[in-house]
């Protein structure tokens, strides 16, 4: 089918995509069956009656929510429950002093077409949010990039660290300690890895600071986010080290010096990353930009300078519009440690001209996510990971990180378009209020 057919079929409105079906009959006419595609297979967007619907049906009634669940099941083969709560005895290790539950609304956004190192195909992403316009905006950005051919993602590395500090009586002892660590890496590695079946200690970076030495233990944590894994492994290694270096008279050690940037936005994270390092990009034509976002290539490129100046004056770490929004909504939906948004939201978004087109890119050096462990075992979060085809198999955490980066970029371009076209306030007035 032609691009013009798609554009004509889905007229754009402020932060939206024209009228949506509100009955199952209308939905059947416009949605079609659709081949399952959310797990990365190549979905067929046409059925025997013509064009299958790409974006989720809209509406705020109970019937509309049910219609969307039915629609999603037809398009992806995944069934989403309207609400699943785990029994209290299943929550051990996740919470203490449990008294109840807070229901956070969940939506879906898409279609997100990705050509990545690990994520390939069309995806509908689950979002837990109470910010009106967020789901529509991500869907609009995903729709634009879908028409443009999709988002390309590349996974560069997966490293997460814990950074203890050892304190000595004087600088010479600290200097000797650095030499000792370098000479005994294999023994330290064995001690650290004795606490985990999956974590691997890759290296120990050493940073002297007066009579102190910070040791940055850098791990590969496989499919887990690995926060607890690296803590337990590093503590075991530090206890072994302390027993071996009594001759250097260490005063004490702390298992975390705050150097690794855990739950903090840092320059170190921006440069070296913590978690998965992913870069996403897409190219879109002037025609598509004006049709969907009502802005041109030069409008977007020139606004980058305006935003850069504001960010510099404010001392913003990283350079993006609101990556944190995408991260928080996706982290809640997929059982991630939401506090990691503080360190993960330091991504850099750029918009530049590429011939007659716009090249948009998002570099995210720190995406601290996993598909096993922690709250990924909760029933609803488990279902959401399966919706994305990230149920815990090999490289599933890398795939999830690529999906998250692509979703964040889709949200970035949509917000950029809303601000540049001066529709930002109008969209929030329309969709962000009851």
Protein backbone atom coordinates (compact mmCIF):
# COMPACT_ATOMS: atom_id res chain seq x y z
CA UNK A 1 0.00 0.00 0.00
CA UNK A 2 1.18 3.53 -0.66
CA UNK A 3 2.34 6.09 1.86
CA UNK A 4 -0.29 8.49 0.54
CA UNK A 5 -2.99 5.92 1.34
CA UNK A 6 -1.76 5.76 4.93
CA UNK A 7 -1.65 9.52 5.28
CA UNK A 8 -5.11 10.00 3.79
CA UNK A 9 -6.58 7.25 5.96
CA UNK A 10 -5.25 8.79 9.20
CA UNK A 11 -5.77 12.58 9.16
CA UNK A 12 -3.79 14.20 11.93
CA UNK A 13 -5.18 16.40 14.68
CA UNK A 14 -3.52 18.04 17.64
CA UNK A 15 -1.58 15.24 19.37
CA UNK A 16 -3.92 12.72 17.73
CA UNK A 17 -4.80 10.78 14.61
CA UNK A 18 -8.34 11.70 13.64
CA UNK A 19 -11.49 9.97 14.87
CA UNK A 20 -11.23 6.48 16.26
CA UNK A 21 -13.83 3.67 16.27
CA UNK A 22 -15.81 3.41 19.51
CA UNK A 23 -17.70 0.21 18.84
CA UNK A 24 -16.52 -3.31 18.19
CA UNK A 25 -18.31 -3.29 14.82
CA UNK A 26 -16.56 -0.15 13.67
CA UNK A 27 -13.29 -1.47 15.02
CA UNK A 28 -13.66 -4.70 13.11
CA UNK A 29 -14.16 -2.77 9.90
CA UNK A 30 -11.10 -0.58 10.41
CA UNK A 31 -8.77 -2.75 12.45
CA UNK A 32 -8.78 -6.03 10.56
CA UNK A 33 -7.16 -9.03 12.12
CA UNK A 34 -3.51 -8.04 11.69
CA UNK A 35 -0.71 -10.57 11.98
CA UNK A 36 0.99 -10.78 15.40
CA UNK A 37 3.92 -8.39 15.33
CA UNK A 38 4.63 -7.11 18.83
CA UNK A 39 7.11 -9.90 19.54
CA UNK A 40 9.24 -8.82 16.61
CA UNK A 41 7.61 -10.69 13.71
CA UNK A 42 6.75 -8.85 10.53
CA UNK A 43 3.08 -7.96 10.88
CA UNK A 44 0.89 -7.61 7.78
CA UNK A 45 -0.92 -4.29 7.96
CA UNK A 46 -3.57 -5.16 5.39
CA UNK A 47 -6.37 -7.67 5.62
CA UNK A 48 -9.04 -8.91 3.22
CA UNK A 49 -11.11 -5.75 3.71
CA UNK A 50 -8.23 -3.34 3.09
CA UNK A 51 -6.09 -1.35 5.48
CA UNK A 52 -5.68 -2.62 9.04
CA UNK A 53 -5.71 -0.02 11.80
CA UNK A 54 -2.27 0.94 13.07
CA UNK A 55 -2.92 2.98 16.20
CA UNK A 56 -4.99 1.96 19.24
CA UNK A 57 -8.72 2.86 19.26
CA UNK A 58 -9.49 5.86 21.45
CA UNK A 59 -12.11 6.63 24.08
CA UNK A 60 -12.40 6.88 27.87
CA UNK A 61 -15.31 4.55 28.62
CA UNK A 62 -15.04 1.10 30.17
CA UNK A 63 -16.14 -0.34 26.84
CA UNK A 64 -13.30 1.51 25.07
CA UNK A 65 -10.71 -0.04 27.39
CA UNK A 66 -12.15 -3.49 26.65
CA UNK A 67 -12.11 -2.70 22.93
CA UNK A 68 -8.42 -1.79 23.10
CA UNK A 69 -7.57 -5.04 24.88
CA UNK A 70 -9.46 -6.96 22.20
CA UNK A 71 -7.74 -4.93 19.47
CA UNK A 72 -4.30 -5.51 20.99
CA UNK A 73 -4.88 -9.26 21.23
CA UNK A 74 -5.81 -9.40 17.55
CA UNK A 75 -2.78 -7.41 16.48
CA UNK A 76 -0.18 -9.04 18.71
CA UNK A 77 -1.54 -12.35 19.96
CA UNK A 78 -0.98 -11.16 23.56
CA UNK A 79 -3.78 -10.89 26.09
CA UNK A 80 -3.62 -8.05 28.61
CA UNK A 81 -5.69 -8.20 31.78
CA UNK A 82 -7.54 -5.14 33.05
CA UNK A 83 -5.86 -5.60 36.44
CA UNK A 84 -3.85 -8.32 38.18
CA UNK A 85 -2.55 -8.12 41.74
CA UNK A 86 -0.07 -10.58 43.24
CA UNK A 87 -0.88 -12.14 46.60
CA UNK A 88 1.02 -10.58 49.55
CA UNK A 89 3.13 -13.70 50.14
CA UNK A 90 4.50 -13.33 46.59
CA UNK A 91 5.84 -9.86 47.39
CA UNK A 92 8.69 -10.89 49.69
CA UNK A 93 11.91 -9.35 48.44
CA UNK A 94 10.02 -6.47 46.81
CA UNK A 95 8.39 -4.65 49.72
CA UNK A 96 8.15 -4.63 53.52
CA UNK A 97 5.21 -3.64 55.74
CA UNK A 98 2.81 -4.23 52.84
CA UNK A 99 -0.72 -2.87 53.40
CA UNK A 100 -2.31 -2.69 49.96
CA UNK A 101 -2.05 -1.60 46.33
CA UNK A 102 -2.23 1.63 44.38
CA UNK A 103 -3.75 1.22 40.95
CA UNK A 104 -1.79 3.02 38.22
CA UNK A 105 -3.57 3.27 34.87
CA UNK A 106 -1.91 1.42 32.00
CA UNK A 107 -2.06 2.27 28.32
CA UNK A 108 -0.39 1.15 25.12
CA UNK A 109 1.38 3.20 22.46
CA UNK A 110 2.45 2.30 18.96
CA UNK A 111 3.08 1.02 16.37
CA UNK A 112 6.80 1.27 17.03
CA UNK A 113 8.76 -0.17 14.12
CA UNK A 114 12.35 -1.04 15.11
CA UNK A 115 15.32 -2.38 13.21
CA UNK A 116 17.82 -3.06 15.97
CA UNK A 117 20.66 -5.24 17.11
CA UNK A 118 18.18 -7.31 19.13
CA UNK A 119 14.74 -5.67 18.72
CA UNK A 120 13.30 -6.23 15.24
CA UNK A 121 9.71 -5.74 14.12
CA UNK A 122 6.64 -3.81 15.22
CA UNK A 123 5.89 -3.25 18.91
CA UNK A 124 3.06 -1.86 21.02
CA UNK A 125 4.57 -0.67 24.28
CA UNK A 126 2.81 -0.71 27.67
CA UNK A 127 2.90 2.52 29.68
CA UNK A 128 1.89 3.18 33.29
CA UNK A 129 1.25 6.88 33.67
CA UNK A 130 -1.12 9.50 35.06
CA UNK A 131 0.13 12.26 32.75
CA UNK A 132 -2.51 13.14 30.19
CA UNK A 133 -1.19 13.46 26.58
CA UNK A 134 1.79 11.13 27.20
CA UNK A 135 0.26 8.04 25.58
CA UNK A 136 -1.14 10.00 22.63
CA UNK A 137 2.14 11.83 22.15
CA UNK A 138 4.25 8.67 22.10
CA UNK A 139 1.77 7.09 19.70
CA UNK A 140 2.01 10.13 17.44
CA UNK A 141 5.80 9.95 17.43
CA UNK A 142 5.71 6.20 16.81
CA UNK A 143 3.21 6.72 13.97
CA UNK A 144 5.46 9.33 12.35
CA UNK A 145 8.54 7.11 12.56
CA UNK A 146 6.52 4.13 11.31
CA UNK A 147 5.55 6.04 8.17
CA UNK A 148 9.18 7.13 7.79
CA UNK A 149 10.39 3.53 7.76
CA UNK A 150 10.96 2.94 11.46
CA UNK A 151 13.65 3.56 14.06
CA UNK A 152 17.11 2.03 13.87
CA UNK A 153 18.67 1.01 17.20
CA UNK A 154 22.09 -0.31 18.08
CA UNK A 155 23.14 -1.86 21.38
CA UNK A 156 26.75 -1.00 22.24
CA UNK A 157 27.42 -2.49 25.65
CA UNK A 158 25.97 -3.65 28.95
CA UNK A 159 27.93 -2.70 32.06
CA UNK A 160 26.82 -1.92 35.58
CA UNK A 161 29.09 -1.17 38.48
CA UNK A 162 29.42 -0.86 42.23
CA UNK A 163 32.17 1.45 43.48
CA UNK A 164 33.53 0.80 47.00
CA UNK A 165 36.13 3.04 48.57
CA UNK A 166 39.07 1.86 50.72
CA UNK A 167 40.55 4.33 53.21
CA UNK A 168 44.19 4.15 54.36
CA UNK A 169 46.32 6.01 56.90
CA UNK A 170 48.49 7.62 54.23
CA UNK A 171 48.98 8.11 50.49
CA UNK A 172 51.87 5.59 50.05
CA UNK A 173 49.67 2.80 51.40
CA UNK A 174 46.90 3.78 48.99
CA UNK A 175 49.39 3.70 46.09
CA UNK A 176 50.61 0.21 47.03
CA UNK A 177 46.97 -0.91 47.28
CA UNK A 178 46.33 0.01 43.63
CA UNK A 179 49.30 -2.12 42.54
CA UNK A 180 48.09 -5.01 44.70
CA UNK A 181 44.58 -4.89 43.19
CA UNK A 182 45.97 -5.04 39.65
CA UNK A 183 48.11 -8.07 40.53
CA UNK A 184 45.26 -10.02 42.15
CA UNK A 185 42.35 -9.43 39.77
CA UNK A 186 41.71 -13.12 39.10
CA UNK A 187 41.29 -13.92 42.81
CA UNK A 188 39.03 -10.90 43.32
CA UNK A 189 36.95 -11.93 40.30
CA UNK A 190 36.51 -15.41 41.75
CA UNK A 191 35.33 -14.01 45.08
CA UNK A 192 32.83 -11.65 43.45
CA UNK A 193 31.41 -14.23 41.06
CA UNK A 194 30.99 -16.82 43.83
CA UNK A 195 27.77 -15.03 44.84
CA UNK A 196 26.01 -15.22 41.44
CA UNK A 197 25.32 -17.73 38.69
CA UNK A 198 25.00 -15.14 35.95
CA UNK A 199 27.05 -12.04 36.81
CA UNK A 200 30.57 -11.65 35.41
CA UNK A 201 33.14 -9.19 36.74
CA UNK A 202 34.65 -7.56 33.66
CA UNK A 203 37.24 -5.28 35.25
CA UNK A 204 38.06 -3.07 38.21
CA UNK A 205 38.77 0.59 37.42
CA UNK A 206 40.94 2.27 40.07
CA UNK A 207 40.69 5.94 41.09
CA UNK A 208 43.05 7.34 43.79
CA UNK A 209 41.77 10.26 45.86
CA UNK A 210 44.22 11.39 48.58
CA UNK A 211 44.57 8.50 51.04
CA UNK A 212 41.57 6.75 49.52
CA UNK A 213 41.13 4.46 46.54
CA UNK A 214 37.81 4.03 44.75
CA UNK A 215 37.45 0.67 43.04
CA UNK A 216 34.79 0.65 40.34
CA UNK A 217 33.73 -2.99 39.96
CA UNK A 218 32.24 -3.28 36.45
CA UNK A 219 29.97 -6.27 35.69
CA UNK A 220 27.95 -7.88 32.95
CA UNK A 221 24.69 -8.95 34.61
CA UNK A 222 23.12 -10.90 31.70
CA UNK A 223 19.31 -10.57 31.68
CA UNK A 224 19.05 -8.96 35.14
CA UNK A 225 19.27 -5.25 35.86
CA UNK A 226 21.74 -6.45 38.48
CA UNK A 227 21.64 -3.84 41.26
CA UNK A 228 21.52 -6.44 44.03
CA UNK A 229 23.79 -8.80 42.12
CA UNK A 230 26.67 -6.31 41.93
CA UNK A 231 26.18 -5.24 45.54
CA UNK A 232 26.44 -8.77 46.91
CA UNK A 233 29.34 -9.71 44.66
CA UNK A 234 31.30 -6.56 45.41
CA UNK A 235 30.77 -6.84 49.15
CA UNK A 236 32.05 -10.43 49.12
CA UNK A 237 35.12 -9.33 47.14
CA UNK A 238 35.79 -6.39 49.45
CA UNK A 239 35.72 -8.61 52.54
CA UNK A 240 38.21 -10.92 50.88
CA UNK A 241 40.43 -7.97 49.88
CA UNK A 242 40.36 -6.54 53.40
CA UNK A 243 41.63 -9.83 54.82
CA UNK A 244 44.48 -9.93 52.30
CA UNK A 245 45.84 -6.38 52.69
CA UNK A 246 46.20 -6.07 56.46
CA UNK A 247 49.87 -5.20 55.90
CA UNK A 248 48.76 -1.92 54.24
CA UNK A 249 46.76 -1.03 57.35
CA UNK A 250 43.43 -0.10 55.74
CA UNK A 251 41.27 1.96 58.08
CA UNK A 252 37.96 0.75 56.63
CA UNK A 253 35.98 0.35 53.42
CA UNK A 254 32.51 1.38 52.28
CA UNK A 255 30.79 -0.86 49.76
CA UNK A 256 29.59 2.20 47.83
CA UNK A 257 31.36 5.55 47.50
CA UNK A 258 28.61 7.07 45.32
CA UNK A 259 31.09 7.18 42.44
CA UNK A 260 29.11 4.72 40.30
CA UNK A 261 26.18 7.15 40.11
CA UNK A 262 23.53 4.73 41.33
CA UNK A 263 20.24 6.70 41.37
CA UNK A 264 22.09 9.94 40.59
CA UNK A 265 22.58 11.85 37.30
CA UNK A 266 26.36 12.06 36.79
CA UNK A 267 28.93 13.03 34.19
CA UNK A 268 30.48 9.60 34.65
CA UNK A 269 27.22 7.97 33.56
CA UNK A 270 26.95 10.28 30.57
CA UNK A 271 30.46 9.32 29.41
CA UNK A 272 30.77 5.68 30.44
CA UNK A 273 27.20 4.52 31.00
CA UNK A 274 25.64 2.33 33.66
CA UNK A 275 23.45 -0.46 32.36
CA UNK A 276 22.71 -0.78 28.66
CA UNK A 277 24.14 1.72 26.16
CA UNK A 278 21.79 2.15 23.19
CA UNK A 279 21.59 4.68 20.34
CA UNK A 280 18.39 5.13 18.32
CA UNK A 281 17.85 7.17 15.16
CA UNK A 282 15.48 7.70 12.26
CA UNK A 283 15.23 9.82 9.12
CA UNK A 284 12.01 11.55 8.11
CA UNK A 285 11.09 13.68 5.12
CA UNK A 286 9.93 17.29 5.11
CA UNK A 287 6.58 16.14 3.71
CA UNK A 288 5.91 13.70 6.52
CA UNK A 289 6.98 16.17 9.20
CA UNK A 290 4.57 18.78 7.91
CA UNK A 291 1.75 16.27 7.49
CA UNK A 292 2.00 14.71 10.95
CA UNK A 293 3.65 17.36 13.17
CA UNK A 294 2.97 20.52 11.12
CA UNK A 295 6.61 21.61 11.28
CA UNK A 296 9.49 21.57 8.79
CA UNK A 297 13.04 20.24 8.91
CA UNK A 298 14.59 23.68 9.40
CA UNK A 299 12.08 24.49 12.17
CA UNK A 300 13.21 21.46 14.17
CA UNK A 301 16.93 21.96 13.51
CA UNK A 302 16.87 25.64 14.47
CA UNK A 303 14.95 24.93 17.67
CA UNK A 304 17.82 22.70 18.78
CA UNK A 305 19.98 25.81 19.27
CA UNK A 306 17.26 27.49 21.33
CA UNK A 307 16.90 24.42 23.54
CA UNK A 308 20.67 24.04 23.84
CA UNK A 309 21.05 27.58 25.15
CA UNK A 310 18.31 27.08 27.72
CA UNK A 311 19.80 23.77 28.85
CA UNK A 312 23.28 25.27 29.20
CA UNK A 313 22.05 28.20 31.25
CA UNK A 314 20.13 25.85 33.55
CA UNK A 315 23.04 23.43 33.87
CA UNK A 316 21.08 20.46 32.53
CA UNK A 317 23.06 17.20 32.49
CA UNK A 318 22.49 15.56 29.13
CA UNK A 319 20.38 17.16 26.42
CA UNK A 320 16.83 15.95 25.89
CA UNK A 321 13.28 17.19 26.24
CA UNK A 322 11.70 14.58 28.52
CA UNK A 323 13.29 11.16 28.22
CA UNK A 324 12.36 10.66 31.90
CA UNK A 325 8.67 10.51 30.94
CA UNK A 326 9.15 7.52 28.66
CA UNK A 327 11.44 5.79 31.15
CA UNK A 328 9.14 6.16 34.15
CA UNK A 329 6.06 4.93 32.28
CA UNK A 330 7.86 1.94 30.75
CA UNK A 331 9.75 1.08 33.95
CA UNK A 332 6.53 0.90 35.97
CA UNK A 333 4.86 -1.23 33.32
CA UNK A 334 7.73 -3.72 33.01
CA UNK A 335 8.84 -4.11 36.64
CA UNK A 336 12.01 -2.01 36.62
CA UNK A 337 13.53 0.03 39.45
CA UNK A 338 11.82 3.37 38.81
CA UNK A 339 14.37 5.28 40.91
CA UNK A 340 16.92 4.52 38.18
CA UNK A 341 15.16 7.12 36.03
CA UNK A 342 17.27 9.66 37.93
CA UNK A 343 20.48 8.28 36.42
CA UNK A 344 19.06 6.93 33.15
CA UNK A 345 17.48 10.18 31.93
CA UNK A 346 20.82 11.76 30.94
CA UNK A 347 20.39 10.92 27.26
CA UNK A 348 21.30 13.25 24.42
CA UNK A 349 18.79 14.02 21.64
CA UNK A 350 19.90 15.74 18.43
CA UNK A 351 18.10 16.88 15.29
CA UNK A 352 20.09 17.66 12.15
CA UNK A 353 19.50 18.06 8.44
CA UNK A 354 20.46 15.11 6.22
CA UNK A 355 19.98 16.23 2.65
CA UNK A 356 16.29 17.13 2.37
CA UNK A 357 15.37 15.07 5.44
CA UNK A 358 15.57 15.34 9.24
CA UNK A 359 17.92 12.97 11.07
CA UNK A 360 16.86 12.48 14.69
CA UNK A 361 19.06 10.60 17.16
CA UNK A 362 18.95 9.70 20.84
CA UNK A 363 21.99 8.36 22.70
CA UNK A 364 21.21 6.68 25.99
CA UNK A 365 24.37 5.45 27.75
CA UNK A 366 22.47 4.30 30.84
CA UNK A 367 19.38 2.10 30.64
CA UNK A 368 19.34 0.03 33.83
CA UNK A 369 16.76 -2.64 33.03
CA UNK A 370 16.34 -6.39 33.18
CA UNK A 371 13.88 -9.08 32.15
CA UNK A 372 14.46 -11.36 35.15
CA UNK A 373 14.68 -10.61 38.86
CA UNK A 374 13.07 -7.90 40.94
CA UNK A 375 9.53 -6.84 40.05
CA UNK A 376 9.70 -8.47 36.61
CA UNK A 377 8.17 -11.53 38.31
CA UNK A 378 4.94 -9.68 39.16
CA UNK A 379 2.05 -11.01 37.08
CA UNK A 380 1.08 -7.87 35.17
CA UNK A 381 4.68 -6.80 34.59
CA UNK A 382 5.48 -10.33 33.38
CA UNK A 383 2.60 -10.13 30.91
CA UNK A 384 3.84 -6.78 29.65
CA UNK A 385 7.33 -8.13 29.08
CA UNK A 386 5.83 -11.03 27.11
CA UNK A 387 3.87 -8.48 25.04
CA UNK A 388 7.22 -7.03 24.01
CA UNK A 389 8.78 -10.42 23.40
CA UNK A 390 11.11 -9.88 26.35
CA UNK A 391 10.13 -12.75 28.61
CA UNK A 392 13.61 -13.50 29.96
CA UNK A 393 15.35 -15.44 27.22
CA UNK A 394 18.90 -14.84 25.93
CA UNK A 395 19.58 -11.16 25.13
CA UNK A 396 16.03 -10.19 26.16
CA UNK A 397 17.33 -7.38 28.40
CA UNK A 398 19.26 -5.93 25.43
CA UNK A 399 16.11 -6.13 23.33
CA UNK A 400 14.10 -4.38 26.04
CA UNK A 401 16.70 -1.60 26.29
CA UNK A 402 16.46 -1.01 22.54
CA UNK A 403 12.65 -0.84 22.68
CA UNK A 404 12.85 1.68 25.53
CA UNK A 405 15.34 3.89 23.68
CA UNK A 406 13.22 3.83 20.51
CA UNK A 407 10.05 4.66 22.46
CA UNK A 408 11.81 7.57 24.16
CA UNK A 409 12.93 8.93 20.78
CA UNK A 410 9.37 8.69 19.42
CA UNK A 411 8.19 10.71 22.42
CA UNK A 412 11.01 13.25 21.92
CA UNK A 413 10.07 14.08 18.30
CA UNK A 414 6.39 14.36 19.15
CA UNK A 415 7.02 16.84 21.96
CA UNK A 416 9.47 18.78 19.79
CA UNK A 417 6.78 19.10 17.14
CA UNK A 418 4.17 20.22 19.69
CA UNK A 419 6.44 22.92 21.13
CA UNK A 420 7.69 24.21 17.77
CA UNK A 421 4.17 24.35 16.27
CA UNK A 422 2.89 26.05 19.44
CA UNK A 423 0.41 23.25 20.08
CA UNK A 424 1.97 22.12 23.36
CA UNK A 425 -0.40 24.06 25.63
CA UNK A 426 -3.45 23.29 23.51
CA UNK A 427 -2.71 19.56 23.62
CA UNK A 428 -2.44 19.59 27.42
CA UNK A 429 -5.61 21.65 27.70
CA UNK A 430 -7.45 19.12 25.53
CA UNK A 431 -6.04 15.82 26.77
CA UNK A 432 -4.46 16.69 30.13
CA UNK A 433 -7.69 17.77 31.81
CA UNK A 434 -11.07 16.22 32.41
